[in-house]
Amino acid sequence: IHLLYVLFIFGLSLAQDREAWLESGAKRLRDAVKQR
């Protein structure tokens, strides 16, 4: 019920899949490593 409520209120368009989360983390790590 809680999950359905969250999906109803915020919409499914915000969901990210596994690859998107991993790429987001990898990009942040690459950016941090480039920082001098």
All heavy atoms as atom14 arrays in JSON, in Angstrom:
{
  "sequence": "IHLLYVLFIFGLSLAQDREAWLESGAKRLRDAVKQR",
  "atom14_mask": [
    [1, 1, 1, 1, 1, 1, 1, 1, 0, 0, 0, 0, 0, 0],
    [1, 1, 1, 1, 1, 1, 1, 1, 1, 1, 0, 0, 0, 0],
    [1, 1, 1, 1, 1, 1, 1, 1, 0, 0, 0, 0, 0, 0],
    [1, 1, 1, 1, 1, 1, 1, 1, 0, 0, 0, 0, 0, 0],
    [1, 1, 1, 1, 1, 1, 1, 1, 1, 1, 1, 1, 0, 0],
    [1, 1, 1, 1, 1, 1, 1, 0, 0, 0, 0, 0, 0, 0],
    [1, 1, 1, 1, 1, 1, 1, 1, 0, 0, 0, 0, 0, 0],
    [1, 1, 1, 1, 1, 1, 1, 1, 1, 1, 1, 0, 0, 0],
    [1, 1, 1, 1, 1, 1, 1, 1, 0, 0, 0, 0, 0, 0],
    [1, 1, 1, 1, 1, 1, 1, 1, 1, 1, 1, 0, 0, 0],
    [1, 1, 1, 1, 0, 0, 0, 0, 0, 0, 0, 0, 0, 0],
    [1, 1, 1, 1, 1, 1, 1, 1, 0, 0, 0, 0, 0, 0],
    [1, 1, 1, 1, 1, 1, 0, 0, 0, 0, 0, 0, 0, 0],
    [1, 1, 1, 1, 1, 1, 1, 1, 0, 0, 0, 0, 0, 0],
    [1, 1, 1, 1, 1, 0, 0, 0, 0, 0, 0, 0, 0, 0],
    [1, 1, 1, 1, 1, 1, 1, 1, 1, 0, 0, 0, 0, 0],
    [1, 1, 1, 1, 1, 1, 1, 1, 0, 0, 0, 0, 0, 0],
    [1, 1, 1, 1, 1, 1, 1, 1, 1, 1, 1, 0, 0, 0],
    [1, 1, 1, 1, 1, 1, 1, 1, 1, 0, 0, 0, 0, 0],
    [1, 1, 1, 1, 1, 0, 0, 0, 0, 0, 0, 0, 0, 0],
    [1, 1, 1, 1, 1, 1, 1, 1, 1, 1, 1, 1, 1, 1],
    [1, 1, 1, 1, 1, 1, 1, 1, 0, 0, 0, 0, 0, 0],
    [1, 1, 1, 1, 1, 1, 1, 1, 1, 0, 0, 0, 0, 0],
    [1, 1, 1, 1, 1, 1, 0, 0, 0, 0, 0, 0, 0, 0],
    [1, 1, 1, 1, 0, 0, 0, 0, 0, 0, 0, 0, 0, 0],
    [1, 1, 1, 1, 1, 0, 0, 0, 0, 0, 0, 0, 0, 0],
    [1, 1, 1, 1, 1, 1, 1, 1, 1, 0, 0, 0, 0, 0],
    [1, 1, 1, 1, 1, 1, 1, 1, 1, 1, 1, 0, 0, 0],
    [1, 1, 1, 1, 1, 1, 1, 1, 0, 0, 0, 0, 0, 0],
    [1, 1, 1, 1, 1, 1, 1, 1, 1, 1, 1, 0, 0, 0],
    [1, 1, 1, 1, 1, 1, 1, 1, 0, 0, 0, 0, 0, 0],
    [1, 1, 1, 1, 1, 0, 0, 0, 0, 0, 0, 0, 0, 0],
    [1, 1, 1, 1, 1, 1, 1, 0, 0, 0, 0, 0, 0, 0],
    [1, 1, 1, 1, 1, 1, 1, 1, 1, 0, 0, 0, 0, 0],
    [1, 1, 1, 1, 1, 1, 1, 1, 1, 0, 0, 0, 0, 0],
    [1, 1, 1, 1, 1, 1, 1, 1, 1, 1, 1, 0, 0, 0]
  ],
  "atom14_positions": [
    [[0.85, -1.19, 0.0], [0.0, 0.0, 0.0], [0.89, 1.25, 0.0], [0.65, 2.18, -0.76], [-0.96, 0.0, 1.21], [-2.0, -1.1, 1.04], [-1.63, 1.37, 1.37], [-2.88, -1.31, 2.25], [0.0, 0.0, 0.0], [0.0, 0.0, 0.0], [0.0, 0.0, 0.0], [0.0, 0.0, 0.0], [0.0, 0.0, 0.0], [0.0, 0.0, 0.0]],
    [[1.93, 1.23, 0.83], [2.85, 2.37, 0.89], [3.53, 2.57, -0.46], [3.63, 3.69, -0.96], [3.89, 2.15, 1.99], [4.9, 3.25, 2.07], [4.58, 4.49, 2.56], [6.19, 3.31, 1.68], [5.64, 5.27, 2.48], [6.64, 4.57, 1.95], [0.0, 0.0, 0.0], [0.0, 0.0, 0.0], [0.0, 0.0, 0.0], [0.0, 0.0, 0.0]],
    [[3.99, 1.5, -1.09], [4.64, 1.59, -2.39], [3.67, 2.13, -3.44], [4.03, 3.01, -4.23], [5.17, 0.22, -2.82], [5.86, 0.16, -4.18], [7.07, 1.1, -4.2], [6.28, -1.26, -4.5], [0.0, 0.0, 0.0], [0.0, 0.0, 0.0], [0.0, 0.0, 0.0], [0.0, 0.0, 0.0], [0.0, 0.0, 0.0], [0.0, 0.0, 0.0]],
    [[2.45, 1.65, -3.46], [1.45, 2.16, -4.4], [1.19, 3.65, -4.17], [1.04, 4.42, -5.13], [0.15, 1.36, -4.27], [0.2, -0.08, -4.77], [-1.08, -0.81, -4.4], [0.43, -0.12, -6.27], [0.0, 0.0, 0.0], [0.0, 0.0, 0.0], [0.0, 0.0, 0.0], [0.0, 0.0, 0.0], [0.0, 0.0, 0.0], [0.0, 0.0, 0.0]],
    [[1.14, 4.06, -2.92], [0.94, 5.46, -2.59], [2.07, 6.33, -3.15], [1.86, 7.35, -3.77], [0.82, 5.64, -1.08], [0.79, 7.07, -0.62], [-0.35, 7.83, -0.78], [1.92, 7.65, -0.06], [-0.38, 9.16, -0.38], [1.9, 8.97, 0.34], [0.75, 9.72, 0.18], [0.75, 11.03, 0.57], [0.0, 0.0, 0.0], [0.0, 0.0, 0.0]],
    [[3.32, 5.86, -2.91], [4.49, 6.6, -3.39], [4.46, 6.71, -4.91], [4.68, 7.78, -5.47], [5.8, 5.94, -2.9], [7.01, 6.52, -3.62], [5.95, 6.12, -1.4], [0.0, 0.0, 0.0], [0.0, 0.0, 0.0], [0.0, 0.0, 0.0], [0.0, 0.0, 0.0], [0.0, 0.0, 0.0], [0.0, 0.0, 0.0], [0.0, 0.0, 0.0]],
    [[4.17, 5.6, -5.59], [4.12, 5.63, -7.05], [3.0, 6.53, -7.54], [3.15, 7.24, -8.53], [3.96, 4.21, -7.59], [5.15, 3.28, -7.36], [4.82, 1.87, -7.84], [6.39, 3.81, -8.05], [0.0, 0.0, 0.0], [0.0, 0.0, 0.0], [0.0, 0.0, 0.0], [0.0, 0.0, 0.0], [0.0, 0.0, 0.0], [0.0, 0.0, 0.0]],
    [[1.87, 6.52, -6.86], [0.75, 7.37, -7.24], [1.09, 8.86, -7.06], [0.85, 9.68, -7.94], [-0.49, 7.02, -6.4], [-1.65, 7.95, -6.64], [-2.4, 7.86, -7.79], [-1.97, 8.91, -5.7], [-3.46, 8.73, -8.0], [-3.03, 9.78, -5.9], [-3.77, 9.68, -7.06], [0.0, 0.0, 0.0], [0.0, 0.0, 0.0], [0.0, 0.0, 0.0]],
    [[1.66, 9.21, -5.94], [1.97, 10.59, -5.63], [3.08, 11.15, -6.52], [2.99, 12.24, -7.05], [2.36, 10.75, -4.14], [1.19, 10.4, -3.23], [2.87, 12.15, -3.84], [-0.01, 11.3, -3.37], [0.0, 0.0, 0.0], [0.0, 0.0, 0.0], [0.0, 0.0, 0.0], [0.0, 0.0, 0.0], [0.0, 0.0, 0.0], [0.0, 0.0, 0.0]],
    [[4.15, 10.41, -6.68], [5.33, 10.94, -7.36], [5.47, 10.51, -8.82], [6.27, 11.07, -9.55], [6.6, 10.56, -6.59], [6.62, 11.14, -5.22], [6.48, 10.33, -4.12], [6.75, 12.51, -5.04], [6.49, 10.88, -2.84], [6.76, 13.05, -3.77], [6.62, 12.24, -2.67], [0.0, 0.0, 0.0], [0.0, 0.0, 0.0], [0.0, 0.0, 0.0]],
    [[4.73, 9.5, -9.24], [4.77, 9.09, -10.64], [5.9, 8.14, -10.95], [6.94, 8.16, -10.31], [0.0, 0.0, 0.0], [0.0, 0.0, 0.0], [0.0, 0.0, 0.0], [0.0, 0.0, 0.0], [0.0, 0.0, 0.0], [0.0, 0.0, 0.0], [0.0, 0.0, 0.0], [0.0, 0.0, 0.0], [0.0, 0.0, 0.0], [0.0, 0.0, 0.0]],
    [[5.69, 7.32, -11.94], [6.68, 6.34, -12.34], [7.81, 6.93, -13.17], [8.85, 6.33, -13.32], [6.0, 5.23, -13.15], [5.1, 4.3, -12.35], [4.34, 3.38, -13.29], [5.93, 3.48, -11.38], [0.0, 0.0, 0.0], [0.0, 0.0, 0.0], [0.0, 0.0, 0.0], [0.0, 0.0, 0.0], [0.0, 0.0, 0.0], [0.0, 0.0, 0.0]],
    [[7.63, 8.12, -13.7], [8.65, 8.7, -14.58], [9.96, 8.99, -13.86], [10.98, 9.21, -14.5], [8.12, 9.99, -15.21], [7.88, 10.94, -14.21], [0.0, 0.0, 0.0], [0.0, 0.0, 0.0], [0.0, 0.0, 0.0], [0.0, 0.0, 0.0], [0.0, 0.0, 0.0], [0.0, 0.0, 0.0], [0.0, 0.0, 0.0], [0.0, 0.0, 0.0]],
    [[9.95, 8.98, -12.53], [11.15, 9.28, -11.77], [12.02, 8.05, -11.51], [13.15, 8.18, -11.07], [10.77, 9.91, -10.42], [9.98, 11.19, -10.52], [9.52, 11.63, -9.14], [10.79, 12.27, -11.18], [0.0, 0.0, 0.0], [0.0, 0.0, 0.0], [0.0, 0.0, 0.0], [0.0, 0.0, 0.0], [0.0, 0.0, 0.0], [0.0, 0.0, 0.0]],
    [[11.49, 6.87, -11.79], [12.23, 5.66, -11.48], [13.49, 5.56, -12.34], [13.49, 5.95, -13.5], [11.32, 4.45, -11.72], [0.0, 0.0, 0.0], [0.0, 0.0, 0.0], [0.0, 0.0, 0.0], [0.0, 0.0, 0.0], [0.0, 0.0, 0.0], [0.0, 0.0, 0.0], [0.0, 0.0, 0.0], [0.0, 0.0, 0.0], [0.0, 0.0, 0.0]],
    [[14.58, 5.07, -11.72], [15.81, 4.82, -12.44], [16.12, 3.34, -12.33], [15.91, 2.73, -11.29], [16.96, 5.64, -11.87], [16.85, 7.11, -12.17], [18.1, 7.86, -11.73], [18.61, 7.64, -10.66], [18.57, 8.74, -12.58], [0.0, 0.0, 0.0], [0.0, 0.0, 0.0], [0.0, 0.0, 0.0], [0.0, 0.0, 0.0], [0.0, 0.0, 0.0]],
    [[16.65, 2.8, -13.41], [17.0, 1.4, -13.35], [18.41, 1.21, -12.78], [19.12, 2.18, -12.51], [16.86, 0.73, -14.72], [17.79, 1.33, -15.76], [18.75, 2.03, -15.39], [17.56, 1.07, -16.95], [0.0, 0.0, 0.0], [0.0, 0.0, 0.0], [0.0, 0.0, 0.0], [0.0, 0.0, 0.0], [0.0, 0.0, 0.0], [0.0, 0.0, 0.0]],
    [[18.75, -0.03, -12.61], [20.03, -0.4, -12.01], [21.22, 0.23, -12.72], [22.13, 0.76, -12.09], [20.1, -1.92, -12.03], [21.37, -2.53, -11.7], [21.22, -4.02, -11.88], [22.48, -4.68, -11.7], [22.57, -5.95, -11.36], [21.49, -6.64, -11.15], [23.74, -6.49, -11.22], [0.0, 0.0, 0.0], [0.0, 0.0, 0.0], [0.0, 0.0, 0.0]],
    [[21.22, 0.19, -14.05], [22.33, 0.74, -14.82], [22.46, 2.24, -14.63], [23.56, 2.78, -14.56], [22.19, 0.39, -16.31], [22.47, -1.06, -16.65], [21.36, -2.01, -16.21], [20.18, -1.56, -16.13], [21.66, -3.18, -15.92], [0.0, 0.0, 0.0], [0.0, 0.0, 0.0], [0.0, 0.0, 0.0], [0.0, 0.0, 0.0], [0.0, 0.0, 0.0]],
    [[21.33, 2.93, -14.53], [21.36, 4.39, -14.33], [21.99, 4.74, -12.99], [22.78, 5.68, -12.9], [19.95, 4.97, -14.43], [0.0, 0.0, 0.0], [0.0, 0.0, 0.0], [0.0, 0.0, 0.0], [0.0, 0.0, 0.0], [0.0, 0.0, 0.0], [0.0, 0.0, 0.0], [0.0, 0.0, 0.0], [0.0, 0.0, 0.0], [0.0, 0.0, 0.0]],
    [[21.64, 3.97, -11.93], [22.23, 4.23, -10.61], [23.73, 3.96, -10.64], [24.52, 4.74, -10.1], [21.58, 3.36, -9.55], [20.21, 3.78, -9.16], [19.06, 3.07, -9.33], [19.83, 5.01, -8.54], [17.99, 3.8, -8.87], [18.43, 4.99, -8.37], [20.52, 6.14, -8.13], [17.72, 6.03, -7.8], [19.81, 7.19, -7.55], [18.43, 7.13, -7.39]],
    [[24.14, 2.85, -11.27], [25.56, 2.51, -11.33], [26.34, 3.54, -12.15], [27.43, 3.94, -11.77], [25.74, 1.11, -11.92], [25.24, -0.04, -11.02], [25.31, -1.36, -11.78], [26.03, -0.1, -9.73], [0.0, 0.0, 0.0], [0.0, 0.0, 0.0], [0.0, 0.0, 0.0], [0.0, 0.0, 0.0], [0.0, 0.0, 0.0], [0.0, 0.0, 0.0]],
    [[25.77, 4.0, -13.27], [26.45, 5.01, -14.08], [26.54, 6.34, -13.34], [27.55, 7.03, -13.4], [25.73, 5.2, -15.42], [26.34, 6.27, -16.31], [27.85, 6.1, -16.56], [28.34, 4.96, -16.65], [28.54, 7.14, -16.64], [0.0, 0.0, 0.0], [0.0, 0.0, 0.0], [0.0, 0.0, 0.0], [0.0, 0.0, 0.0], [0.0, 0.0, 0.0]],
    [[25.49, 6.69, -12.61], [25.51, 7.93, -11.82], [26.64, 7.88, -10.79], [27.39, 8.85, -10.62], [24.16, 8.13, -11.13], [24.21, 9.21, -10.25], [0.0, 0.0, 0.0], [0.0, 0.0, 0.0], [0.0, 0.0, 0.0], [0.0, 0.0, 0.0], [0.0, 0.0, 0.0], [0.0, 0.0, 0.0], [0.0, 0.0, 0.0], [0.0, 0.0, 0.0]],
    [[26.77, 6.77, -10.09], [27.84, 6.61, -9.11], [29.21, 6.62, -9.76], [30.15, 7.25, -9.25], [0.0, 0.0, 0.0], [0.0, 0.0, 0.0], [0.0, 0.0, 0.0], [0.0, 0.0, 0.0], [0.0, 0.0, 0.0], [0.0, 0.0, 0.0], [0.0, 0.0, 0.0], [0.0, 0.0, 0.0], [0.0, 0.0, 0.0], [0.0, 0.0, 0.0]],
    [[29.34, 5.95, -10.9], [30.61, 5.91, -11.62], [31.01, 7.31, -12.09], [32.19, 7.69, -12.02], [30.53, 4.95, -12.79], [0.0, 0.0, 0.0], [0.0, 0.0, 0.0], [0.0, 0.0, 0.0], [0.0, 0.0, 0.0], [0.0, 0.0, 0.0], [0.0, 0.0, 0.0], [0.0, 0.0, 0.0], [0.0, 0.0, 0.0], [0.0, 0.0, 0.0]],
    [[30.04, 8.09, -12.57], [30.33, 9.45, -13.02], [30.82, 10.31, -11.86], [31.79, 11.06, -11.99], [29.1, 10.09, -13.66], [29.38, 11.51, -14.18], [28.13, 12.19, -14.68], [28.37, 13.58, -15.18], [29.24, 14.43, -14.41], [0.0, 0.0, 0.0], [0.0, 0.0, 0.0], [0.0, 0.0, 0.0], [0.0, 0.0, 0.0], [0.0, 0.0, 0.0]],
    [[30.16, 10.21, -10.72], [30.6, 10.98, -9.55], [32.01, 10.59, -9.12], [32.81, 11.44, -8.75], [29.63, 10.81, -8.39], [28.37, 11.6, -8.56], [27.58, 11.63, -7.29], [26.37, 12.4, -7.51], [25.56, 12.74, -6.53], [25.84, 12.42, -5.29], [24.48, 13.43, -6.78], [0.0, 0.0, 0.0], [0.0, 0.0, 0.0], [0.0, 0.0, 0.0]],
    [[32.3, 9.3, -9.2], [33.63, 8.83, -8.84], [34.67, 9.36, -9.85], [35.73, 9.84, -9.45], [33.67, 7.31, -8.79], [35.0, 6.67, -8.4], [35.46, 7.17, -7.03], [34.88, 5.16, -8.4], [0.0, 0.0, 0.0], [0.0, 0.0, 0.0], [0.0, 0.0, 0.0], [0.0, 0.0, 0.0], [0.0, 0.0, 0.0], [0.0, 0.0, 0.0]],
    [[34.37, 9.29, -11.15], [35.29, 9.82, -12.17], [35.54, 11.31, -11.95], [36.68, 11.78, -12.03], [34.74, 9.58, -13.58], [34.84, 8.15, -14.07], [34.51, 8.02, -15.55], [33.19, 8.52, -15.91], [32.08, 7.79, -15.92], [32.11, 6.52, -15.57], [30.93, 8.33, -16.28], [0.0, 0.0, 0.0], [0.0, 0.0, 0.0], [0.0, 0.0, 0.0]],
    [[34.48, 12.06, -11.67], [34.62, 13.5, -11.42], [35.48, 13.77, -10.19], [36.31, 14.68, -10.19], [33.24, 14.16, -11.26], [32.44, 14.19, -12.56], [33.03, 13.97, -13.65], [31.22, 14.44, -12.48], [0.0, 0.0, 0.0], [0.0, 0.0, 0.0], [0.0, 0.0, 0.0], [0.0, 0.0, 0.0], [0.0, 0.0, 0.0], [0.0, 0.0, 0.0]],
    [[35.3, 12.99, -9.15], [36.07, 13.18, -7.92], [37.55, 12.87, -8.15], [38.42, 13.58, -7.64], [35.51, 12.3, -6.8], [0.0, 0.0, 0.0], [0.0, 0.0, 0.0], [0.0, 0.0, 0.0], [0.0, 0.0, 0.0], [0.0, 0.0, 0.0], [0.0, 0.0, 0.0], [0.0, 0.0, 0.0], [0.0, 0.0, 0.0], [0.0, 0.0, 0.0]],
    [[37.84, 11.84, -8.94], [39.23, 11.46, -9.21], [39.92, 12.53, -10.04], [41.11, 12.8, -9.86], [39.28, 10.08, -9.9], [40.66, 9.79, -10.46], [38.85, 8.99, -8.93], [0.0, 0.0, 0.0], [0.0, 0.0, 0.0], [0.0, 0.0, 0.0], [0.0, 0.0, 0.0], [0.0, 0.0, 0.0], [0.0, 0.0, 0.0], [0.0, 0.0, 0.0]],
    [[39.2, 13.18, -10.95], [39.77, 14.24, -11.79], [40.1, 15.5, -10.99], [40.94, 16.29, -11.41], [38.78, 14.63, -12.9], [38.64, 13.6, -13.99], [37.61, 14.09, -15.0], [37.2, 13.01, -15.96], [36.1, 13.43, -16.84], [0.0, 0.0, 0.0], [0.0, 0.0, 0.0], [0.0, 0.0, 0.0], [0.0, 0.0, 0.0], [0.0, 0.0, 0.0]],
    [[39.44, 15.68, -9.88], [39.61, 16.89, -9.09], [41.01, 16.94, -8.49], [41.5, 15.97, -7.92], [38.56, 16.91, -7.98], [38.44, 18.22, -7.29], [37.28, 18.19, -6.31], [36.88, 17.14, -5.83], [36.74, 19.34, -6.01], [0.0, 0.0, 0.0], [0.0, 0.0, 0.0], [0.0, 0.0, 0.0], [0.0, 0.0, 0.0], [0.0, 0.0, 0.0]],
    [[41.65, 18.07, -8.65], [43.0, 18.25, -8.11], [42.95, 19.31, -7.02], [42.32, 20.36, -7.19], [43.97, 18.7, -9.21], [44.15, 17.66, -10.3], [44.93, 16.47, -9.74], [45.04, 15.42, -10.74], [44.62, 14.18, -10.53], [44.06, 13.85, -9.4], [44.76, 13.27, -11.46], [0.0, 0.0, 0.0], [0.0, 0.0, 0.0], [0.0, 0.0, 0.0]]
  ]
}
